[in-house]
Amino acid sequence: MCGIIGYIGHEDAYPIIVKGLYHLEYRGYDSVGVALYDTKLMIYKGVAKVSDLENSLKHIEIKGKVGMGHTRWATHGKASYRNAHPHSSTNNRLAIVHNGIIENCRSLKEALIIKGCVFKSDTDTEVLLNLIEYTQKETGLDLHKAVGVALKKVIGLYAIVIMDTNKPDRLIATCSGSSLVIGKGKDGYLVSSDVRAMGVYAKNAICLNDNDIARIGEYDVLID
């Protein structure tokens, strides 16, 4: 099973996300990754354990008050660096972590390639992200509204968290048939597929209902 952890707040996101990933290890995984935003989007990932990724980054200064992490079991696309989450969109503005499976990803991908989307992995997750990005570009909608429109074209199960480098003060989260939980901490909010991944950082957790779309900020959570 895959695992998701995200954080936005006043503390450095990276240590909180890594600790959350350790709490998700019991679910099993074949690759791991984190995405953070400071002045730009940074993605670190690999076919490795959480400890291996952490060790490989120990000499790197990693900043950012918003970020997300993921542990993956390969479904669409083998276990590899290119298929590990998080994924970035065609223009590298959006990043996503995703649990679940998109059953109609092949037809969606074929249509998006015709429209000019470029794919860097073999995953259904990247198809989903580029569908959302293209929908926003085509409609001019705010991201959370574009997510709702795009997902009406999707067949499958999913829990997703999205970062937008143009609006890094919010994480967008939604699910259908796969769990997501949001918890409030002293200095921010966490979102995860498993309440145990929140550790001591967040309490008063709420579960998203299917098709809820949450906008998670430093101080509040808005749910449509």
Protein backbone atom coordinates (compact mmCIF):
# COMPACT_ATOMS: atom_id res chain seq x y z
CA MET A 1 0.00 0.00 0.00
CA CYS A 2 1.15 3.55 -0.73
CA GLY A 3 1.42 6.26 1.88
CA ILE A 4 0.97 10.05 1.89
CA ILE A 5 2.13 12.74 4.31
CA GLY A 6 1.98 16.51 3.77
CA TYR A 7 2.66 19.56 5.93
CA ILE A 8 2.13 23.31 5.73
CA GLY A 9 2.89 25.68 8.57
CA HIS A 10 5.58 27.65 10.36
CA GLU A 11 8.05 24.84 11.04
CA ASP A 12 10.51 23.32 8.59
CA ALA A 13 8.48 20.79 6.66
CA TYR A 14 11.22 18.29 5.81
CA PRO A 15 11.85 16.77 9.30
CA ILE A 16 8.11 16.44 9.91
CA ILE A 17 7.55 14.75 6.55
CA VAL A 18 10.44 12.33 7.03
CA LYS A 19 9.17 11.27 10.45
CA GLY A 20 5.76 10.77 8.91
CA LEU A 21 7.26 8.57 6.20
CA TYR A 22 8.88 6.36 8.85
CA HIS A 23 5.43 5.86 10.38
CA LEU A 24 4.15 4.75 6.97
CA GLU A 25 6.83 2.11 6.39
CA TYR A 26 4.74 -0.68 7.91
CA ARG A 27 2.44 -0.47 4.87
CA GLY A 28 5.25 -1.65 2.57
CA TYR A 29 6.74 0.23 -0.38
CA ASP A 30 9.38 0.05 -3.12
CA SER A 31 10.24 3.74 -3.56
CA VAL A 32 10.05 6.96 -1.59
CA GLY A 33 10.18 10.68 -2.22
CA VAL A 34 9.57 14.18 -0.89
CA ALA A 35 8.68 17.49 -2.52
CA LEU A 36 9.20 20.85 -0.85
CA TYR A 37 8.81 24.47 -1.81
CA ASP A 38 10.97 27.34 -0.64
CA THR A 39 11.71 29.70 -3.51
CA LYS A 40 11.32 26.87 -6.00
CA LEU A 41 10.00 23.31 -6.19
CA MET A 42 12.47 20.69 -4.99
CA ILE A 43 11.85 16.94 -5.41
CA TYR A 44 14.06 14.25 -3.88
CA LYS A 45 13.21 10.59 -4.49
CA GLY A 46 14.51 7.15 -5.30
CA VAL A 47 14.06 3.38 -5.24
CA ALA A 48 15.15 3.21 -1.64
CA LYS A 49 14.11 3.09 1.99
CA VAL A 50 13.20 6.21 3.91
CA SER A 51 16.49 5.93 5.81
CA ASP A 52 18.45 5.71 2.54
CA LEU A 53 16.82 8.84 1.19
CA GLU A 54 17.37 10.67 4.46
CA ASN A 55 21.05 9.68 4.52
CA SER A 56 21.55 10.79 0.93
CA LEU A 57 20.22 14.25 1.82
CA LYS A 58 21.95 14.80 5.15
CA HIS A 59 24.57 17.14 3.67
CA ILE A 60 22.00 19.18 1.74
CA GLU A 61 20.33 22.24 3.24
CA ILE A 62 16.63 21.61 2.73
CA LYS A 63 14.25 24.47 3.43
CA GLY A 64 10.56 25.06 3.05
CA LYS A 65 7.49 25.42 5.22
CA VAL A 66 5.32 23.38 2.86
CA GLY A 67 5.92 19.92 1.47
CA MET A 68 4.73 16.38 1.02
CA GLY A 69 6.12 12.86 0.96
CA HIS A 70 5.14 9.47 -0.40
CA THR A 71 5.90 5.78 -0.13
CA ARG A 72 4.94 3.82 -3.26
CA TRP A 73 4.11 0.29 -4.28
CA ALA A 74 4.50 0.07 -8.07
CA THR A 75 1.29 -0.39 -10.06
CA HIS A 76 1.40 1.60 -13.30
CA GLY A 77 5.10 1.55 -14.13
CA LYS A 78 7.84 -0.47 -12.48
CA ALA A 79 9.73 0.59 -9.38
CA SER A 80 12.21 3.17 -10.67
CA TYR A 81 13.40 6.71 -10.06
CA ARG A 82 11.25 8.11 -12.86
CA ASN A 83 8.13 6.43 -11.50
CA ALA A 84 8.64 7.30 -7.84
CA HIS A 85 6.45 10.02 -6.35
CA PRO A 86 6.18 12.99 -6.10
CA HIS A 87 5.61 13.87 -9.76
CA SER A 88 5.72 17.31 -11.35
CA SER A 89 3.48 18.52 -14.16
CA THR A 90 4.47 19.35 -17.73
CA ASN A 91 5.39 22.95 -16.86
CA ASN A 92 6.75 21.98 -13.40
CA ARG A 93 4.27 24.28 -11.67
CA LEU A 94 2.32 21.53 -9.90
CA ALA A 95 3.50 18.51 -7.92
CA ILE A 96 1.44 15.56 -6.70
CA VAL A 97 1.47 12.49 -4.48
CA HIS A 98 -1.20 9.89 -5.10
CA ASN A 99 -2.57 6.69 -3.62
CA GLY A 100 -4.90 4.53 -5.72
CA ILE A 101 -5.27 3.62 -9.35
CA ILE A 102 -6.69 5.47 -12.36
CA GLU A 103 -8.39 2.85 -14.51
CA ASN A 104 -8.83 4.99 -17.63
CA CYS A 105 -5.33 6.48 -17.55
CA ARG A 106 -4.40 5.17 -21.01
CA SER A 107 -7.18 7.00 -22.84
CA LEU A 108 -6.61 10.13 -20.76
CA LYS A 109 -2.89 10.05 -21.52
CA GLU A 110 -3.42 9.65 -25.25
CA ALA A 111 -5.73 12.67 -25.29
CA LEU A 112 -3.30 14.77 -23.24
CA ILE A 113 -0.35 13.92 -25.51
CA ILE A 114 -2.34 15.22 -28.47
CA LYS A 115 -2.88 18.45 -26.50
CA GLY A 116 0.86 18.86 -25.93
CA CYS A 117 1.42 17.39 -22.48
CA VAL A 118 4.84 15.84 -21.93
CA PHE A 119 5.24 12.78 -19.71
CA LYS A 120 8.32 11.92 -17.71
CA SER A 121 7.11 8.65 -16.14
CA ASP A 122 4.96 5.60 -16.82
CA THR A 123 2.51 6.30 -13.99
CA ASP A 124 -1.20 6.94 -13.90
CA THR A 125 -0.39 9.57 -11.27
CA GLU A 126 1.38 11.82 -13.76
CA VAL A 127 -1.57 11.44 -16.12
CA LEU A 128 -3.87 12.65 -13.36
CA LEU A 129 -1.66 15.64 -12.59
CA ASN A 130 -1.35 16.72 -16.21
CA LEU A 131 -5.11 16.35 -16.63
CA ILE A 132 -5.58 18.76 -13.72
CA GLU A 133 -2.99 21.20 -15.05
CA TYR A 134 -4.48 21.16 -18.55
CA THR A 135 -8.00 21.60 -17.15
CA GLN A 136 -6.91 24.66 -15.19
CA LYS A 137 -5.16 26.12 -18.24
CA GLU A 138 -8.18 25.45 -20.44
CA THR A 139 -10.81 26.78 -18.01
CA GLY A 140 -8.94 29.48 -16.09
CA LEU A 141 -10.38 28.14 -12.86
CA ASP A 142 -8.69 28.26 -9.47
CA LEU A 143 -6.77 25.04 -8.84
CA HIS A 144 -9.21 23.49 -6.39
CA LYS A 145 -12.08 24.06 -8.81
CA ALA A 146 -10.05 22.71 -11.73
CA VAL A 147 -9.34 19.59 -9.67
CA GLY A 148 -13.08 19.02 -9.28
CA VAL A 149 -13.71 19.43 -13.01
CA ALA A 150 -10.80 17.17 -14.00
CA LEU A 151 -11.77 14.39 -11.62
CA LYS A 152 -15.18 14.07 -13.25
CA LYS A 153 -13.28 12.54 -16.21
CA VAL A 154 -11.47 10.01 -14.01
CA ILE A 155 -12.45 6.40 -13.39
CA GLY A 156 -10.75 4.86 -10.38
CA LEU A 157 -9.80 5.27 -6.75
CA TYR A 158 -7.53 7.99 -5.44
CA ALA A 159 -6.24 10.08 -2.60
CA ILE A 160 -4.14 13.01 -3.78
CA VAL A 161 -2.28 15.99 -2.40
CA ILE A 162 -1.14 18.75 -4.76
CA MET A 163 1.33 21.62 -4.38
CA ASP A 164 1.12 24.71 -6.60
CA THR A 165 4.35 26.70 -6.89
CA ASN A 166 2.34 29.76 -7.95
CA LYS A 167 0.32 29.56 -4.71
CA PRO A 168 2.52 27.75 -2.19
CA ASP A 169 0.39 28.93 0.73
CA ARG A 170 -2.08 26.07 0.14
CA LEU A 171 -2.07 22.32 -0.31
CA ILE A 172 -5.00 20.85 -2.25
CA ALA A 173 -6.24 17.45 -1.10
CA THR A 174 -9.07 15.20 -2.21
CA CYS A 175 -10.02 11.52 -2.24
CA SER A 176 -12.48 8.97 -3.52
CA GLY A 177 -12.43 5.40 -2.27
CA SER A 178 -9.08 5.96 -0.55
CA SER A 179 -8.56 7.66 2.79
CA LEU A 180 -7.13 11.08 3.65
CA VAL A 181 -6.99 12.64 7.11
CA ILE A 182 -6.26 16.26 8.05
CA GLY A 183 -4.88 17.17 11.47
CA LYS A 184 -4.28 20.54 13.12
CA GLY A 185 -0.99 21.10 14.89
CA LYS A 186 0.31 23.97 16.99
CA ASP A 187 2.12 25.55 14.07
CA GLY A 188 0.34 24.24 11.00
CA TYR A 189 -1.64 21.42 9.41
CA LEU A 190 -0.82 17.92 8.29
CA VAL A 191 -2.58 15.71 5.77
CA SER A 192 -2.00 11.97 5.51
CA SER A 193 -3.41 8.68 4.33
CA ASP A 194 -2.85 7.35 7.87
CA VAL A 195 -3.42 9.23 11.12
CA ARG A 196 -0.41 7.44 12.64
CA ALA A 197 1.89 9.31 10.26
CA MET A 198 0.99 12.56 12.02
CA GLY A 199 2.74 11.43 15.20
CA VAL A 200 2.75 14.09 17.91
CA TYR A 201 2.51 17.01 15.47
CA ALA A 202 -1.22 17.09 14.88
CA LYS A 203 -4.36 16.21 16.76
CA ASN A 204 -8.08 16.76 16.24
CA ALA A 205 -7.92 14.91 12.94
CA ILE A 206 -10.82 14.88 10.50
CA CYS A 207 -11.38 12.41 7.66
CA LEU A 208 -12.21 13.76 4.23
CA ASN A 209 -15.36 12.34 2.68
CA ASP A 210 -15.30 11.09 -0.89
CA ASN A 211 -15.16 13.99 -3.36
CA ASP A 212 -14.40 16.61 -0.70
CA ILE A 213 -11.77 19.04 -1.92
CA ALA A 214 -9.72 20.62 0.86
CA ARG A 215 -7.60 23.76 0.66
CA ILE A 216 -5.12 23.42 3.50
CA GLY A 217 -3.28 26.54 4.66
CA GLU A 218 -1.10 27.53 7.59
CA TYR A 219 -4.07 28.73 9.63
CA ASP A 220 -7.19 27.10 8.24
CA VAL A 221 -8.73 24.36 6.13
CA LEU A 222 -11.50 25.09 3.63
CA ILE A 223 -13.49 22.13 2.33
CA ASP A 224 -15.77 22.20 -0.72
